């Protein structure tokens, strides 16, 4: 897994840290490299879980977008929301 220049994973909390290995594994399965593009930095909505260290953005893969999204949802349990944005997957810890 790669981290975009200027992004830090230092302040993400354990529930999001636990997702990094499964995310990397799913991307690797399809020959892709997962890239973290945002954690707590950047501009997000005022109520964003990014600021609490409970969300991470992952650059969209070049290929196999739908398969990777499906596998991410299977790999991460129902406590995580995976939202497809224009340029990234937004992964947040949001237990229901």
PDB file of N, CA and C in Angstrom:
ATOM      1  N   UNK A   1       0.846  -1.169   0.000  1.00  0.00           N
ATOM      2  CA  UNK A   1       0.000   0.000   0.000  1.00  0.00           C
ATOM      3  C   UNK A   1       0.894   1.236   0.000  1.00  0.00           C
ATOM      4  N   UNK A   2       0.514   2.185  -0.827  1.00  0.00           N
ATOM      5  CA  UNK A   2       1.250   3.443  -0.915  1.00  0.00           C
ATOM      6  C   UNK A   2       0.461   4.548  -0.226  1.00  0.00           C
ATOM      7  N   UNK A   3       1.172   5.616   0.147  1.00  0.00           N
ATOM      8  CA  UNK A   3       0.546   6.777   0.772  1.00  0.00           C
ATOM      9  C   UNK A   3       0.936   8.005  -0.045  1.00  0.00           C
ATOM     10  N   UNK A   4      -0.047   8.746  -0.495  1.00  0.00           N
ATOM     11  CA  UNK A   4       0.193   9.953  -1.287  1.00  0.00           C
ATOM     12  C   UNK A   4       1.058  10.935  -0.493  1.00  0.00           C
ATOM     13  N   UNK A   5       1.952  11.598  -1.180  1.00  0.00           N
ATOM     14  CA  UNK A   5       2.815  12.593  -0.566  1.00  0.00           C
ATOM     15  C   UNK A   5       1.970  13.631   0.174  1.00  0.00           C
ATOM     16  N   UNK A   6       2.331  13.910   1.422  1.00  0.00           N
ATOM     17  CA  UNK A   6       1.610  14.890   2.225  1.00  0.00           C
ATOM     18  C   UNK A   6       0.510  14.306   3.088  1.00  0.00           C
ATOM     19  N   UNK A   7       0.241  13.018   2.934  1.00  0.00           N
ATOM     20  CA  UNK A   7      -0.790  12.344   3.719  1.00  0.00           C
ATOM     21  C   UNK A   7      -0.105  11.578   4.843  1.00  0.00           C
ATOM     22  N   UNK A   8      -0.681  11.623   6.025  1.00  0.00           N
ATOM     23  CA  UNK A   8      -0.133  10.912   7.176  1.00  0.00           C
ATOM     24  C   UNK A   8      -1.169   9.941   7.722  1.00  0.00           C
ATOM     25  N   UNK A   9      -0.718   8.767   8.103  1.00  0.00           N
ATOM     26  CA  UNK A   9      -1.616   7.803   8.741  1.00  0.00           C
ATOM     27  C   UNK A   9      -1.436   7.819  10.263  1.00  0.00           C
ATOM     28  N   UNK A  10      -0.633   8.740  10.751  1.00  0.00           N
ATOM     29  CA  UNK A  10      -0.305   8.807  12.181  1.00  0.00           C
ATOM     30  C   UNK A  10      -1.547   8.990  13.048  1.00  0.00           C
ATOM     31  N   UNK A  11      -2.520   9.756  12.609  1.00  0.00           N
ATOM     32  CA  UNK A  11      -3.672  10.084  13.456  1.00  0.00           C
ATOM     33  C   UNK A  11      -4.932   9.277  13.166  1.00  0.00           C
ATOM     34  N   UNK A  12      -4.821   8.250  12.338  1.00  0.00           N
ATOM     35  CA  UNK A  12      -6.014   7.427  12.130  1.00  0.00           C
ATOM     36  C   UNK A  12      -6.155   6.458  13.297  1.00  0.00           C
ATOM     37  N   UNK A  13      -7.381   6.177  13.636  1.00  0.00           N
ATOM     38  CA  UNK A  13      -7.662   5.324  14.791  1.00  0.00           C
ATOM     39  C   UNK A  13      -7.696   3.852  14.398  1.00  0.00           C
ATOM     40  N   UNK A  14      -7.606   3.007  15.413  1.00  0.00           N
ATOM     41  CA  UNK A  14      -7.485   1.560  15.232  1.00  0.00           C
ATOM     42  C   UNK A  14      -8.507   0.950  14.274  1.00  0.00           C
ATOM     43  N   UNK A  15      -9.809   1.321  14.354  1.00  0.00           N
ATOM     44  CA  UNK A  15     -10.749   0.687  13.418  1.00  0.00           C
ATOM     45  C   UNK A  15     -10.395   0.922  11.951  1.00  0.00           C
ATOM     46  N   UNK A  16      -9.812   2.071  11.635  1.00  0.00           N
ATOM     47  CA  UNK A  16      -9.402   2.338  10.250  1.00  0.00           C
ATOM     48  C   UNK A  16      -8.055   1.681   9.971  1.00  0.00           C
ATOM     49  N   UNK A  17      -7.145   1.686  10.929  1.00  0.00           N
ATOM     50  CA  UNK A  17      -5.859   0.990  10.737  1.00  0.00           C
ATOM     51  C   UNK A  17      -6.078  -0.471  10.366  1.00  0.00           C
ATOM     52  N   UNK A  18      -7.094  -1.081  10.986  1.00  0.00           N
ATOM     53  CA  UNK A  18      -7.390  -2.496  10.720  1.00  0.00           C
ATOM     54  C   UNK A  18      -7.851  -2.741   9.288  1.00  0.00           C
ATOM     55  N   UNK A  19      -8.317  -1.709   8.602  1.00  0.00           N
ATOM     56  CA  UNK A  19      -8.790  -1.898   7.231  1.00  0.00           C
ATOM     57  C   UNK A  19      -7.661  -1.869   6.211  1.00  0.00           C
ATOM     58  N   UNK A  20      -6.515  -1.320   6.568  1.00  0.00           N
ATOM     59  CA  UNK A  20      -5.459  -1.091   5.579  1.00  0.00           C
ATOM     60  C   UNK A  20      -4.938  -2.394   4.972  1.00  0.00           C
ATOM     61  N   UNK A  21      -4.699  -3.382   5.786  1.00  0.00           N
ATOM     62  CA  UNK A  21      -4.206  -4.667   5.257  1.00  0.00           C
ATOM     63  C   UNK A  21      -5.243  -5.351   4.363  1.00  0.00           C
ATOM     64  N   UNK A  22      -6.514  -5.463   4.797  1.00  0.00           N
ATOM     65  CA  UNK A  22      -7.514  -6.056   3.899  1.00  0.00           C
ATOM     66  C   UNK A  22      -7.697  -5.275   2.594  1.00  0.00           C
ATOM     67  N   UNK A  23      -7.644  -3.956   2.664  1.00  0.00           N
ATOM     68  CA  UNK A  23      -7.775  -3.148   1.449  1.00  0.00           C
ATOM     69  C   UNK A  23      -6.616  -3.461   0.503  1.00  0.00           C
ATOM     70  N   UNK A  24      -5.405  -3.468   1.033  1.00  0.00           N
ATOM     71  CA  UNK A  24      -4.225  -3.769   0.208  1.00  0.00           C
ATOM     72  C   UNK A  24      -4.340  -5.156  -0.414  1.00  0.00           C
ATOM     73  N   UNK A  25      -4.834  -6.116   0.369  1.00  0.00           N
ATOM     74  CA  UNK A  25      -4.981  -7.494  -0.119  1.00  0.00           C
ATOM     75  C   UNK A  25      -5.958  -7.572  -1.291  1.00  0.00           C
ATOM     76  N   UNK A  26      -7.090  -6.882  -1.176  1.00  0.00           N
ATOM     77  CA  UNK A  26      -8.091  -6.899  -2.250  1.00  0.00           C
ATOM     78  C   UNK A  26      -7.517  -6.266  -3.516  1.00  0.00           C
ATOM     79  N   UNK A  27      -6.881  -5.119  -3.385  1.00  0.00           N
ATOM     80  CA  UNK A  27      -6.292  -4.466  -4.553  1.00  0.00           C
ATOM     81  C   UNK A  27      -5.247  -5.379  -5.200  1.00  0.00           C
ATOM     82  N   UNK A  28      -4.402  -5.989  -4.381  1.00  0.00           N
ATOM     83  CA  UNK A  28      -3.340  -6.862  -4.904  1.00  0.00           C
ATOM     84  C   UNK A  28      -3.921  -8.051  -5.668  1.00  0.00           C
ATOM     85  N   UNK A  29      -5.039  -8.580  -5.184  1.00  0.00           N
ATOM     86  CA  UNK A  29      -5.707  -9.703  -5.849  1.00  0.00           C
ATOM     87  C   UNK A  29      -5.985  -9.379  -7.314  1.00  0.00           C
ATOM     88  N   UNK A  30      -6.251  -8.106  -7.603  1.00  0.00           N
ATOM     89  CA  UNK A  30      -6.569  -7.679  -8.962  1.00  0.00           C
ATOM     90  C   UNK A  30      -5.393  -6.982  -9.650  1.00  0.00           C
ATOM     91  N   UNK A  31      -4.200  -7.133  -9.080  1.00  0.00           N
ATOM     92  CA  UNK A  31      -3.013  -6.559  -9.704  1.00  0.00           C
ATOM     93  C   UNK A  31      -2.917  -5.057  -9.581  1.00  0.00           C
ATOM     94  N   UNK A  32      -3.565  -4.490  -8.589  1.00  0.00           N
ATOM     95  CA  UNK A  32      -3.582  -3.042  -8.375  1.00  0.00           C
ATOM     96  C   UNK A  32      -2.832  -2.708  -7.085  1.00  0.00           C
ATOM     97  N   UNK A  33      -2.371  -1.485  -6.991  1.00  0.00           N
ATOM     98  CA  UNK A  33      -1.729  -0.979  -5.780  1.00  0.00           C
ATOM     99  C   UNK A  33      -2.691  -0.001  -5.110  1.00  0.00           C
ATOM    100  N   UNK A  34      -3.027  -0.243  -3.854  1.00  0.00           N
ATOM    101  CA  UNK A  34      -3.884   0.683  -3.115  1.00  0.00           C
ATOM    102  C   UNK A  34      -3.065   1.908  -2.721  1.00  0.00           C
ATOM    103  N   UNK A  35      -3.661   3.087  -2.898  1.00  0.00           N
ATOM    104  CA  UNK A  35      -2.985   4.343  -2.561  1.00  0.00           C
ATOM    105  C   UNK A  35      -3.909   5.161  -1.657  1.00  0.00           C
ATOM    106  N   UNK A  36      -3.438   5.453  -0.454  1.00  0.00           N
ATOM    107  CA  UNK A  36      -4.188   6.317   0.456  1.00  0.00           C
ATOM    108  C   UNK A  36      -4.013   7.749  -0.018  1.00  0.00           C
ATOM    109  N   UNK A  37      -5.118   8.425  -0.283  1.00  0.00           N
ATOM    110  CA  UNK A  37      -5.044   9.801  -0.776  1.00  0.00           C
ATOM    111  C   UNK A  37      -5.450  10.830   0.271  1.00  0.00           C
ATOM    112  N   UNK A  38      -6.113  10.401   1.348  1.00  0.00           N
ATOM    113  CA  UNK A  38      -6.516  11.335   2.397  1.00  0.00           C
ATOM    114  C   UNK A  38      -6.852  10.589   3.674  1.00  0.00           C
ATOM    115  N   UNK A  39      -6.468  11.208   4.787  1.00  0.00           N
ATOM    116  CA  UNK A  39      -6.890  10.709   6.102  1.00  0.00           C
ATOM    117  C   UNK A  39      -7.509  11.887   6.849  1.00  0.00           C
ATOM    118  N   UNK A  40      -6.799  12.463   7.803  1.00  0.00           N
ATOM    119  CA  UNK A  40      -7.365  13.565   8.589  1.00  0.00           C
ATOM    120  C   UNK A  40      -7.144  14.930   7.942  1.00  0.00           C
ATOM    121  N   UNK A  41      -6.215  15.007   6.994  1.00  0.00           N
ATOM    122  CA  UNK A  41      -5.931  16.289   6.350  1.00  0.00           C
ATOM    123  C   UNK A  41      -6.894  16.525   5.190  1.00  0.00           C
ATOM    124  N   UNK A  42      -6.832  17.691   4.635  1.00  0.00           N
ATOM    125  CA  UNK A  42      -7.672  17.995   3.481  1.00  0.00           C
ATOM    126  C   UNK A  42      -8.972  18.652   3.886  1.00  0.00           C
ATOM    127  N   UNK A  43      -9.770  18.943   2.890  1.00  0.00           N
ATOM    128  CA  UNK A  43     -11.068  19.582   3.117  1.00  0.00           C
ATOM    129  C   UNK A  43     -12.165  18.540   3.004  1.00  0.00           C
ATOM    130  N   UNK A  44     -12.907  18.400   4.080  1.00  0.00           N
ATOM    131  CA  UNK A  44     -14.016  17.449   4.139  1.00  0.00           C
ATOM    132  C   UNK A  44     -15.203  18.181   4.753  1.00  0.00           C
ATOM    133  N   UNK A  45     -16.369  17.588   4.672  1.00  0.00           N
ATOM    134  CA  UNK A  45     -17.535  18.230   5.286  1.00  0.00           C
ATOM    135  C   UNK A  45     -17.316  18.360   6.795  1.00  0.00           C
ATOM    136  N   UNK A  46     -17.994  19.302   7.410  1.00  0.00           N
ATOM    137  CA  UNK A  46     -17.799  19.588   8.832  1.00  0.00           C
ATOM    138  C   UNK A  46     -18.041  18.359   9.714  1.00  0.00           C
ATOM    139  N   UNK A  47     -18.954  17.505   9.304  1.00  0.00           N
ATOM    140  CA  UNK A  47     -19.277  16.323  10.108  1.00  0.00           C
ATOM    141  C   UNK A  47     -18.508  15.073   9.668  1.00  0.00           C
ATOM    142  N   UNK A  48     -17.512  15.246   8.828  1.00  0.00           N
ATOM    143  CA  UNK A  48     -16.766  14.116   8.279  1.00  0.00           C
ATOM    144  C   UNK A  48     -16.045  13.322   9.360  1.00  0.00           C
ATOM    145  N   UNK A  49     -16.049  12.016   9.210  1.00  0.00           N
ATOM    146  CA  UNK A  49     -15.308  11.143  10.125  1.00  0.00           C
ATOM    147  C   UNK A  49     -13.809  11.200   9.866  1.00  0.00           C
ATOM    148  N   UNK A  50     -13.388  11.840   8.784  1.00  0.00           N
ATOM    149  CA  UNK A  50     -11.958  12.036   8.536  1.00  0.00           C
ATOM    150  C   UNK A  50     -11.313  12.757   9.713  1.00  0.00           C
ATOM    151  N   UNK A  51     -11.956  13.812  10.188  1.00  0.00           N
ATOM    152  CA  UNK A  51     -11.373  14.637  11.245  1.00  0.00           C
ATOM    153  C   UNK A  51     -11.246  13.891  12.565  1.00  0.00           C
ATOM    154  N   UNK A  52     -12.012  12.831  12.729  1.00  0.00           N
ATOM    155  CA  UNK A  52     -11.930  12.004  13.933  1.00  0.00           C
ATOM    156  C   UNK A  52     -10.948  10.843  13.755  1.00  0.00           C
ATOM    157  N   UNK A  53     -10.334  10.742  12.588  1.00  0.00           N
ATOM    158  CA  UNK A  53      -9.422   9.637  12.323  1.00  0.00           C
ATOM    159  C   UNK A  53     -10.133   8.336  12.032  1.00  0.00           C
ATOM    160  N   UNK A  54     -11.391   8.432  11.617  1.00  0.00           N
ATOM    161  CA  UNK A  54     -12.207   7.243  11.380  1.00  0.00           C
ATOM    162  C   UNK A  54     -12.606   7.075   9.918  1.00  0.00           C
ATOM    163  N   UNK A  55     -11.846   7.713   9.012  1.00  0.00           N
ATOM    164  CA  UNK A  55     -12.119   7.564   7.578  1.00  0.00           C
ATOM    165  C   UNK A  55     -10.815   7.692   6.802  1.00  0.00           C
ATOM    166  N   UNK A  56     -10.801   7.035   5.665  1.00  0.00           N
ATOM    167  CA  UNK A  56      -9.643   7.067   4.776  1.00  0.00           C
ATOM    168  C   UNK A  56     -10.152   7.053   3.344  1.00  0.00           C
ATOM    169  N   UNK A  57      -9.444   7.739   2.458  1.00  0.00           N
ATOM    170  CA  UNK A  57      -9.780   7.705   1.037  1.00  0.00           C
ATOM    171  C   UNK A  57      -8.704   6.913   0.306  1.00  0.00           C
ATOM    172  N   UNK A  58      -9.145   6.064  -0.608  1.00  0.00           N
ATOM    173  CA  UNK A  58      -8.251   5.207  -1.392  1.00  0.00           C
ATOM    174  C   UNK A  58      -8.497   5.496  -2.875  1.00  0.00           C
ATOM    175  N   UNK A  59      -7.416   5.817  -3.593  1.00  0.00           N
ATOM    176  CA  UNK A  59      -7.531   6.104  -5.032  1.00  0.00           C
ATOM    177  C   UNK A  59      -8.215   4.945  -5.751  1.00  0.00           C
ATOM    178  N   UNK A  60      -9.064   5.285  -6.696  1.00  0.00           N
ATOM    179  CA  UNK A  60      -9.756   4.256  -7.466  1.00  0.00           C
ATOM    180  C   UNK A  60      -8.764   3.447  -8.288  1.00  0.00           C
ATOM    181  N   UNK A  61      -9.026   2.158  -8.445  1.00  0.00           N
ATOM    182  CA  UNK A  61      -8.147   1.326  -9.261  1.00  0.00           C
ATOM    183  C   UNK A  61      -8.309   1.658 -10.747  1.00  0.00           C
ATOM    184  N   UNK A  62      -7.308   1.301 -11.519  1.00  0.00           N
ATOM    185  CA  UNK A  62      -7.351   1.514 -12.965  1.00  0.00           C
ATOM    186  C   UNK A  62      -8.349   0.550 -13.603  1.00  0.00           C
ATOM    187  N   UNK A  63      -8.357  -0.686 -13.133  1.00  0.00           N
ATOM    188  CA  UNK A  63      -9.226  -1.735 -13.675  1.00  0.00           C
ATOM    189  C   UNK A  63     -10.012  -2.405 -12.549  1.00  0.00           C
ATOM    190  N   UNK A  64     -11.030  -3.151 -12.910  1.00  0.00           N
ATOM    191  CA  UNK A  64     -11.788  -3.991 -11.974  1.00  0.00           C
ATOM    192  C   UNK A  64     -12.466  -3.225 -10.849  1.00  0.00           C
ATOM    193  N   UNK A  65     -12.928  -2.041 -11.123  1.00  0.00           N
ATOM    194  CA  UNK A  65     -13.530  -1.191 -10.099  1.00  0.00           C
ATOM    195  C   UNK A  65     -14.668  -1.889  -9.354  1.00  0.00           C
ATOM    196  N   UNK A  66     -15.626  -2.414 -10.085  1.00  0.00           N
ATOM    197  CA  UNK A  66     -16.789  -3.031  -9.439  1.00  0.00           C
ATOM    198  C   UNK A  66     -16.414  -4.287  -8.650  1.00  0.00           C
ATOM    199  N   UNK A  67     -15.508  -5.092  -9.182  1.00  0.00           N
ATOM    200  CA  UNK A  67     -15.079  -6.303  -8.478  1.00  0.00           C
ATOM    201  C   UNK A  67     -14.350  -5.943  -7.188  1.00  0.00           C
ATOM    202  N   UNK A  68     -13.500  -4.940  -7.246  1.00  0.00           N
ATOM    203  CA  UNK A  68     -12.765  -4.521  -6.054  1.00  0.00           C
ATOM    204  C   UNK A  68     -13.728  -3.968  -5.017  1.00  0.00           C
ATOM    205  N   UNK A  69     -14.675  -3.166  -5.445  1.00  0.00           N
ATOM    206  CA  UNK A  69     -15.646  -2.626  -4.494  1.00  0.00           C
ATOM    207  C   UNK A  69     -16.449  -3.748  -3.836  1.00  0.00           C
ATOM    208  N   UNK A  70     -16.865  -4.712  -4.621  1.00  0.00           N
ATOM    209  CA  UNK A  70     -17.617  -5.851  -4.076  1.00  0.00           C
ATOM    210  C   UNK A  70     -16.774  -6.606  -3.056  1.00  0.00           C
ATOM    211  N   UNK A  71     -15.527  -6.888  -3.398  1.00  0.00           N
ATOM    212  CA  UNK A  71     -14.652  -7.615  -2.486  1.00  0.00           C
ATOM    213  C   UNK A  71     -14.336  -6.810  -1.224  1.00  0.00           C
ATOM    214  N   UNK A  72     -14.190  -5.497  -1.347  1.00  0.00           N
ATOM    215  CA  UNK A  72     -13.962  -4.673  -0.160  1.00  0.00           C
ATOM    216  C   UNK A  72     -15.142  -4.771   0.796  1.00  0.00           C
ATOM    217  N   UNK A  73     -16.332  -4.728   0.242  1.00  0.00           N
ATOM    218  CA  UNK A  73     -17.529  -4.838   1.088  1.00  0.00           C
ATOM    219  C   UNK A  73     -17.619  -6.204   1.765  1.00  0.00           C
ATOM    220  N   UNK A  74     -17.172  -7.242   1.078  1.00  0.00           N
ATOM    221  CA  UNK A  74     -17.165  -8.576   1.688  1.00  0.00           C
ATOM    222  C   UNK A  74     -16.070  -8.690   2.742  1.00  0.00           C
ATOM    223  N   UNK A  75     -14.925  -8.119   2.460  1.00  0.00           N
ATOM    224  CA  UNK A  75     -13.756  -8.220   3.350  1.00  0.00           C
ATOM    225  C   UNK A  75     -13.955  -7.425   4.644  1.00  0.00           C
ATOM    226  N   UNK A  76     -14.531  -6.238   4.524  1.00  0.00           N
ATOM    227  CA  UNK A  76     -14.775  -5.397   5.697  1.00  0.00           C
ATOM    228  C   UNK A  76     -16.199  -5.669   6.165  1.00  0.00           C
ATOM    229  N   UNK A  77     -16.381  -5.777   7.450  1.00  0.00           N
ATOM    230  CA  UNK A  77     -17.722  -6.131   7.932  1.00  0.00           C
ATOM    231  C   UNK A  77     -18.671  -4.943   7.870  1.00  0.00           C
ATOM    232  N   UNK A  78     -19.887  -5.143   8.309  1.00  0.00           N
ATOM    233  CA  UNK A  78     -20.934  -4.141   8.222  1.00  0.00           C
ATOM    234  C   UNK A  78     -20.705  -2.882   9.037  1.00  0.00           C
ATOM    235  N   UNK A  79     -19.632  -2.832   9.825  1.00  0.00           N
ATOM    236  CA  UNK A  79     -19.330  -1.625  10.596  1.00  0.00           C
ATOM    237  C   UNK A  79     -18.682  -0.547   9.733  1.00  0.00           C
ATOM    238  N   UNK A  80     -18.382  -0.875   8.491  1.00  0.00           N
ATOM    239  CA  UNK A  80     -17.695   0.058   7.601  1.00  0.00           C
ATOM    240  C   UNK A  80     -18.578   0.411   6.415  1.00  0.00           C
ATOM    241  N   UNK A  81     -18.584   1.697   6.080  1.00  0.00           N
ATOM    242  CA  UNK A  81     -19.245   2.159   4.861  1.00  0.00           C
ATOM    243  C   UNK A  81     -18.159   2.363   3.811  1.00  0.00           C
ATOM    244  N   UNK A  82     -18.416   1.894   2.606  1.00  0.00           N
ATOM    245  CA  UNK A  82     -17.504   2.097   1.479  1.00  0.00           C
ATOM    246  C   UNK A  82     -18.301   2.836   0.416  1.00  0.00           C
ATOM    247  N   UNK A  83     -17.892   4.066   0.169  1.00  0.00           N
ATOM    248  CA  UNK A  83     -18.635   4.941  -0.727  1.00  0.00           C
ATOM    249  C   UNK A  83     -17.778   5.239  -1.950  1.00  0.00           C
ATOM    250  N   UNK A  84     -18.347   5.029  -3.108  1.00  0.00           N
ATOM    251  CA  UNK A  84     -17.651   5.317  -4.359  1.00  0.00           C
ATOM    252  C   UNK A  84     -17.796   6.797  -4.674  1.00  0.00           C
ATOM    253  N   UNK A  85     -16.678   7.503  -4.677  1.00  0.00           N
ATOM    254  CA  UNK A  85     -16.641   8.924  -5.022  1.00  0.00           C
ATOM    255  C   UNK A  85     -16.046   9.050  -6.429  1.00  0.00           C
ATOM    256  N   UNK A  86     -15.953  10.256  -6.938  1.00  0.00           N
ATOM    257  CA  UNK A  86     -15.461  10.475  -8.306  1.00  0.00           C
ATOM    258  C   UNK A  86     -14.035   9.983  -8.506  1.00  0.00           C
ATOM    259  N   UNK A  87     -13.177  10.148  -7.512  1.00  0.00           N
ATOM    260  CA  UNK A  87     -11.760   9.794  -7.681  1.00  0.00           C
ATOM    261  C   UNK A  87     -11.239   8.801  -6.657  1.00  0.00           C
ATOM    262  N   UNK A  88     -12.104   8.347  -5.746  1.00  0.00           N
ATOM    263  CA  UNK A  88     -11.616   7.487  -4.666  1.00  0.00           C
ATOM    264  C   UNK A  88     -12.755   6.701  -4.014  1.00  0.00           C
ATOM    265  N   UNK A  89     -12.331   5.666  -3.264  1.00  0.00           N
ATOM    266  CA  UNK A  89     -13.236   4.997  -2.341  1.00  0.00           C
ATOM    267  C   UNK A  89     -13.104   5.721  -1.013  1.00  0.00           C
ATOM    268  N   UNK A  90     -14.215   6.087  -0.421  1.00  0.00           N
ATOM    269  CA  UNK A  90     -14.222   6.645   0.928  1.00  0.00           C
ATOM    270  C   UNK A  90     -14.600   5.488   1.851  1.00  0.00           C
ATOM    271  N   UNK A  91     -13.718   5.156   2.781  1.00  0.00           N
ATOM    272  CA  UNK A  91     -13.945   4.061   3.726  1.00  0.00           C
ATOM    273  C   UNK A  91     -14.036   4.681   5.108  1.00  0.00           C
ATOM    274  N   UNK A  92     -15.150   4.440   5.800  1.00  0.00           N
ATOM    275  CA  UNK A  92     -15.306   5.003   7.139  1.00  0.00           C
ATOM    276  C   UNK A  92     -15.833   3.964   8.107  1.00  0.00           C
ATOM    277  N   UNK A  93     -15.411   4.121   9.342  1.00  0.00           N
ATOM    278  CA  UNK A  93     -15.897   3.261  10.419  1.00  0.00           C
ATOM    279  C   UNK A  93     -17.147   3.903  10.968  1.00  0.00           C
ATOM    280  N   UNK A  94     -18.274   3.248  10.735  1.00  0.00           N
ATOM    281  CA  UNK A  94     -19.568   3.795  11.127  1.00  0.00           C
ATOM    282  C   UNK A  94     -20.480   2.644  11.538  1.00  0.00           C
ATOM    283  N   UNK A  95     -20.219   2.082  12.740  1.00  0.00           N
ATOM    284  CA  UNK A  95     -21.037   0.920  13.168  1.00  0.00           C
ATOM    285  C   UNK A  95     -22.513   1.300  13.283  1.00  0.00           C
ATOM    286  N   UNK A  96     -23.349   0.395  12.842  1.00  0.00           N
ATOM    287  CA  UNK A  96     -24.803   0.661  12.830  1.00  0.00           C
ATOM    288  C   UNK A  96     -25.472   0.022  14.023  1.00  0.00           C
TER     289      UNK A  96
END
